[in-house]
Protein backbone atom coordinates (compact mmCIF):
# COMPACT_ATOMS: atom_id res chain seq x y z
CA MET A 1 216.91 14.40 -44.87
CA GLY A 2 219.58 15.59 -42.44
CA LEU A 3 220.05 12.19 -40.79
CA ARG A 4 223.35 10.87 -39.46
CA ARG A 5 224.55 7.47 -38.28
CA VAL A 6 224.28 6.71 -34.58
CA PRO A 7 227.88 5.69 -33.76
CA GLU A 8 226.93 3.87 -30.52
CA LEU A 9 224.66 1.52 -32.52
CA GLU A 10 226.79 0.92 -35.64
CA PHE A 11 227.88 -2.49 -34.33
CA TRP A 12 224.32 -3.73 -34.95
CA ALA A 13 224.72 -3.25 -38.72
CA THR A 14 227.59 -5.76 -38.96
CA ASN A 15 225.58 -8.95 -38.33
CA GLY A 16 222.35 -8.38 -40.23
CA GLY A 17 221.05 -5.80 -37.80
CA PRO A 18 219.98 -2.29 -38.64
CA LEU A 19 222.04 0.72 -39.57
CA THR A 20 220.51 3.28 -37.23
CA MET A 21 220.17 6.91 -38.34
CA THR A 22 218.93 9.95 -36.37
CA ASN A 23 218.26 13.63 -36.85
CA SER A 24 220.30 16.33 -35.07
CA SER A 25 217.93 16.54 -32.09
CA GLY A 26 217.64 12.76 -31.66
CA SER A 27 213.85 12.94 -31.94
CA ILE A 28 213.70 10.77 -35.10
CA HIS A 29 215.37 7.38 -35.52
CA LEU A 30 215.39 5.30 -38.68
CA ALA A 31 216.59 1.67 -38.67
CA LEU A 32 217.67 0.40 -42.09
CA PHE A 33 217.91 -3.36 -42.66
CA GLU A 34 219.50 -5.03 -45.68
CA ARG A 35 217.50 -8.13 -46.54
CA PRO A 36 216.37 -10.07 -49.60
CA SER A 37 213.01 -9.16 -51.05
CA GLU A 38 210.12 -10.70 -49.12
CA GLU A 39 206.46 -10.25 -48.35
CA CYS A 40 205.74 -6.76 -46.98
CA ARG A 41 206.93 -6.61 -43.40
CA SER A 42 207.37 -2.90 -42.78
CA THR A 43 207.44 -2.27 -39.05
CA VAL A 44 206.36 1.00 -37.50
CA ALA A 45 208.56 1.73 -34.46
CA PHE A 46 207.90 4.14 -31.62
CA GLY A 47 210.48 5.38 -29.11
CA ALA A 48 209.74 5.46 -25.40
CA ASP A 49 211.54 6.34 -22.20
CA ALA A 50 211.84 3.65 -19.51
CA LYS A 51 208.61 4.55 -17.70
CA GLN A 52 206.60 4.64 -20.95
CA PHE A 53 208.17 1.35 -22.10
CA ILE A 54 207.18 -0.44 -18.89
CA GLY A 55 203.67 1.04 -19.12
CA TRP A 56 203.29 -0.13 -22.73
CA GLN A 57 204.61 -3.59 -21.81
CA LYS A 58 202.00 -3.99 -19.07
CA HIS A 59 199.22 -2.64 -21.29
CA LEU A 60 200.16 -4.87 -24.24
CA LEU A 61 200.57 -7.98 -22.07
CA ASP A 62 197.11 -7.35 -20.59
CA THR A 63 195.67 -6.76 -24.07
CA LEU A 64 197.58 -9.24 -26.26
CA GLY A 65 198.91 -11.83 -23.83
CA HIS A 66 201.39 -14.20 -25.46
CA ASP A 67 201.57 -12.27 -28.76
CA LEU A 68 204.04 -9.77 -27.24
CA GLU A 69 207.75 -10.36 -27.85
CA VAL A 70 210.19 -8.61 -25.50
CA VAL A 71 213.80 -8.43 -26.74
CA ASP A 72 216.94 -7.22 -24.97
CA HIS A 73 219.27 -5.74 -27.61
CA GLU A 74 221.96 -5.06 -24.93
CA VAL A 75 221.75 -1.28 -25.51
CA ALA A 76 217.98 -1.03 -25.94
CA TRP A 77 214.79 -2.97 -25.16
CA SER A 78 212.09 -3.64 -27.77
CA LEU A 79 208.48 -4.78 -27.60
CA TYR A 80 207.28 -6.40 -30.84
CA PHE A 81 203.60 -7.00 -31.53
CA LYS A 82 201.01 -7.04 -34.33
CA ASP A 83 197.65 -5.36 -34.62
CA PRO A 84 194.52 -7.42 -35.43
CA ASP A 85 195.29 -7.04 -39.16
CA GLY A 86 198.79 -8.48 -38.78
CA ASN A 87 200.69 -5.18 -39.16
CA PRO A 88 203.92 -5.28 -37.12
CA TYR A 89 204.89 -2.64 -34.55
CA GLU A 90 207.82 -2.05 -32.24
CA ILE A 91 208.20 0.07 -29.13
CA ILE A 92 211.87 0.65 -28.33
CA SER A 93 213.59 2.24 -25.35
CA HIS A 94 217.23 3.20 -25.28
CA ASP A 95 216.93 3.64 -21.47
CA HIS A 96 218.31 0.10 -21.22
CA GLY A 97 219.52 0.21 -17.64
CA ALA A 98 216.33 1.80 -16.35
CA VAL A 99 214.09 -0.73 -18.12
């Protein structure tokens, strides 16, 4: 697939976090988690710059209210939420300082 590890994020993979892979242009990111088998919990993640992330946060808070989880990963920010059918999504921004 032409993906390579993201060296700046490899520390995440040491404590149950994801091994993050990217393509050569950085336009595709894949987070691989090692976990025991469980009920389907595949999360679709979308990347965003700082301005888009803040816009999505406002929109989702207005739309979903308390169902939005905002997480500081120290090098990235994530918004976690579910659609009305319970499918999980994530919006992530690596513009940590700007967010």
